[in-house]
C-alpha atoms as a PDB file:
ATOM      1  CA  UNK A   1       0.000   0.000   0.000  1.00  0.00           C
ATOM      2  CA  UNK A   2       1.290   3.446  -0.891  1.00  0.00           C
ATOM      3  CA  UNK A   3       2.176   5.514   2.152  1.00  0.00           C
ATOM      4  CA  UNK A   4       1.927   9.294   2.288  1.00  0.00           C
ATOM      5  CA  UNK A   5       4.836  10.876   4.135  1.00  0.00           C
ATOM      6  CA  UNK A   6       3.705  13.535   6.602  1.00  0.00           C
ATOM      7  CA  UNK A   7       6.112  16.154   7.922  1.00  0.00           C
ATOM      8  CA  UNK A   8       5.433  19.333   9.842  1.00  0.00           C
ATOM      9  CA  UNK A   9       5.008  21.349   6.633  1.00  0.00           C
ATOM     10  CA  UNK A  10       4.039  19.012   3.845  1.00  0.00           C
ATOM     11  CA  UNK A  11       2.619  15.711   2.724  1.00  0.00           C
ATOM     12  CA  UNK A  12       4.419  13.954  -0.091  1.00  0.00           C
ATOM     13  CA  UNK A  13       4.603  10.729  -1.996  1.00  0.00           C
ATOM     14  CA  UNK A  14       7.247   9.739  -4.526  1.00  0.00           C
ATOM     15  CA  UNK A  15       6.541   6.708  -6.667  1.00  0.00           C
ATOM     16  CA  UNK A  16       8.938   5.658  -9.424  1.00  0.00           C
ATOM     17  CA  UNK A  17       8.415   3.120 -12.187  1.00  0.00           C
ATOM     18  CA  UNK A  18      11.855   1.962 -13.237  1.00  0.00           C
ATOM     19  CA  UNK A  19      12.481  -0.331 -16.207  1.00  0.00           C
ATOM     20  CA  UNK A  20      15.909  -1.927 -16.597  1.00  0.00           C
ATOM     21  CA  UNK A  21      16.456  -3.804 -19.875  1.00  0.00           C
ATOM     22  CA  UNK A  22      19.220  -6.342 -20.319  1.00  0.00           C
ATOM     23  CA  UNK A  23      22.076  -5.336 -22.588  1.00  0.00           C
ATOM     24  CA  UNK A  24      20.980  -5.751 -26.205  1.00  0.00           C
ATOM     25  CA  UNK A  25      17.665  -7.084 -24.828  1.00  0.00           C
ATOM     26  CA  UNK A  26      19.184 -10.521 -24.408  1.00  0.00           C
ATOM     27  CA  UNK A  27      17.085 -13.149 -22.689  1.00  0.00           C
ATOM     28  CA  UNK A  28      18.884 -13.530 -19.362  1.00  0.00           C
ATOM     29  CA  UNK A  29      16.275 -13.321 -16.570  1.00  0.00           C
ATOM     30  CA  UNK A  30      14.823 -16.569 -15.244  1.00  0.00           C
ATOM     31  CA  UNK A  31      13.218 -17.732 -11.982  1.00  0.00           C
ATOM     32  CA  UNK A  32      16.563 -18.008 -10.153  1.00  0.00           C
ATOM     33  CA  UNK A  33      17.509 -14.440 -11.076  1.00  0.00           C
ATOM     34  CA  UNK A  34      14.020 -13.282 -10.070  1.00  0.00           C
ATOM     35  CA  UNK A  35      14.369 -14.842  -6.590  1.00  0.00           C
ATOM     36  CA  UNK A  36      17.856 -13.372  -6.042  1.00  0.00           C
ATOM     37  CA  UNK A  37      16.691  -9.966  -7.236  1.00  0.00           C
ATOM     38  CA  UNK A  38      13.760  -9.933  -4.808  1.00  0.00           C
ATOM     39  CA  UNK A  39      16.047 -11.019  -1.964  1.00  0.00           C
ATOM     40  CA  UNK A  40      18.512  -8.238  -2.775  1.00  0.00           C
ATOM     41  CA  UNK A  41      15.726  -5.648  -2.970  1.00  0.00           C
ATOM     42  CA  UNK A  42      14.442  -6.761   0.446  1.00  0.00           C
ATOM     43  CA  UNK A  43      17.906  -6.151   1.902  1.00  0.00           C
ATOM     44  CA  UNK A  44      18.098  -2.713   0.263  1.00  0.00           C
ATOM     45  CA  UNK A  45      14.659  -1.873   1.629  1.00  0.00           C
ATOM     46  CA  UNK A  46      15.804  -2.701   5.167  1.00  0.00           C
ATOM     47  CA  UNK A  47      18.944  -0.547   4.921  1.00  0.00           C
ATOM     48  CA  UNK A  48      17.463   2.508   3.204  1.00  0.00           C
ATOM     49  CA  UNK A  49      14.146   4.323   3.228  1.00  0.00           C
ATOM     50  CA  UNK A  50      12.951   2.693   0.017  1.00  0.00           C
ATOM     51  CA  UNK A  51       9.906   0.478  -0.505  1.00  0.00           C
ATOM     52  CA  UNK A  52       9.589  -1.915  -3.411  1.00  0.00           C
ATOM     53  CA  UNK A  53       5.892  -2.335  -4.220  1.00  0.00           C
ATOM     54  CA  UNK A  54       6.385  -4.412  -7.346  1.00  0.00           C
ATOM     55  CA  UNK A  55       9.392  -6.249  -8.712  1.00  0.00           C
ATOM     56  CA  UNK A  56       8.663  -7.956 -11.971  1.00  0.00           C
ATOM     57  CA  UNK A  57      10.944  -9.711 -14.411  1.00  0.00           C
ATOM     58  CA  UNK A  58      10.348 -10.553 -17.996  1.00  0.00           C
ATOM     59  CA  UNK A  59      12.825 -12.531 -20.039  1.00  0.00           C
ATOM     60  CA  UNK A  60      14.712  -9.418 -21.185  1.00  0.00           C
ATOM     61  CA  UNK A  61      13.893  -6.654 -18.682  1.00  0.00           C
ATOM     62  CA  UNK A  62      12.959  -5.883 -15.072  1.00  0.00           C
ATOM     63  CA  UNK A  63      10.248  -3.564 -13.718  1.00  0.00           C
ATOM     64  CA  UNK A  64      10.395  -1.883 -10.308  1.00  0.00           C
ATOM     65  CA  UNK A  65       7.662   0.153  -8.642  1.00  0.00           C
ATOM     66  CA  UNK A  66       9.519   2.016  -5.895  1.00  0.00           C
ATOM     67  CA  UNK A  67       8.552   4.524  -3.216  1.00  0.00           C
ATOM     68  CA  UNK A  68      11.203   6.748  -1.692  1.00  0.00           C
ATOM     69  CA  UNK A  69      10.917   9.324   1.023  1.00  0.00           C
ATOM     70  CA  UNK A  70      12.024  12.947   0.918  1.00  0.00           C
ATOM     71  CA  UNK A  71      15.397  13.151   2.679  1.00  0.00           C
ATOM     72  CA  UNK A  72      15.164  16.797   3.754  1.00  0.00           C
ATOM     73  CA  UNK A  73      12.706  19.095   5.407  1.00  0.00           C
ATOM     74  CA  UNK A  74      11.909  22.267   3.518  1.00  0.00           C
ATOM     75  CA  UNK A  75      14.402  25.011   4.237  1.00  0.00           C
ATOM     76  CA  UNK A  76      17.377  22.688   4.668  1.00  0.00           C
ATOM     77  CA  UNK A  77      20.256  22.831   2.198  1.00  0.00           C
ATOM     78  CA  UNK A  78      20.263  19.973  -0.238  1.00  0.00           C
ATOM     79  CA  UNK A  79      23.187  18.190  -1.829  1.00  0.00           C
ATOM     80  CA  UNK A  80      22.079  19.703  -5.148  1.00  0.00           C
ATOM     81  CA  UNK A  81      22.471  23.228  -3.729  1.00  0.00           C
ATOM     82  CA  UNK A  82      25.967  22.488  -2.442  1.00  0.00           C
ATOM     83  CA  UNK A  83      27.171  20.917  -5.693  1.00  0.00           C
ATOM     84  CA  UNK A  84      25.714  23.585  -7.966  1.00  0.00           C
ATOM     85  CA  UNK A  85      27.022  26.707  -6.265  1.00  0.00           C
ATOM     86  CA  UNK A  86      28.461  29.114  -8.770  1.00  0.00           C
ATOM     87  CA  UNK A  87      31.572  31.278  -8.340  1.00  0.00           C
ATOM     88  CA  UNK A  88      29.443  34.181  -7.102  1.00  0.00           C
ATOM     89  CA  UNK A  89      28.087  32.025  -4.256  1.00  0.00           C
ATOM     90  CA  UNK A  90      31.523  31.292  -2.756  1.00  0.00           C
ATOM     91  CA  UNK A  91      32.635  33.849  -0.137  1.00  0.00           C
ATOM     92  CA  UNK A  92      35.753  35.858  -0.959  1.00  0.00           C
ATOM     93  CA  UNK A  93      38.897  34.508   0.691  1.00  0.00           C
ATOM     94  CA  UNK A  94      37.517  31.012   1.283  1.00  0.00           C
ATOM     95  CA  UNK A  95      39.599  29.482  -1.515  1.00  0.00           C
ATOM     96  CA  UNK A  96      43.005  30.484  -0.178  1.00  0.00           C
END
């Protein structure tokens, strides 16, 4: 079931449909790969704030339906802001 994430200022939900084809669309996914993939996704889900709603394999591609949670509250600096600072955003004398 999809869960809405409630914080003090907002309610959000992020759902991603991710499709990962095999290289050159070769037929490589079988039942054994499907079981290992689901086991690995369960481990990832326990370590990180990610939920896998659907994990489906076809013979040449994999489908994921994933929910992630917003990592920051509004007003906090994000990694994107830190990485994309321009030269005008850096205080004078901080590069010496």
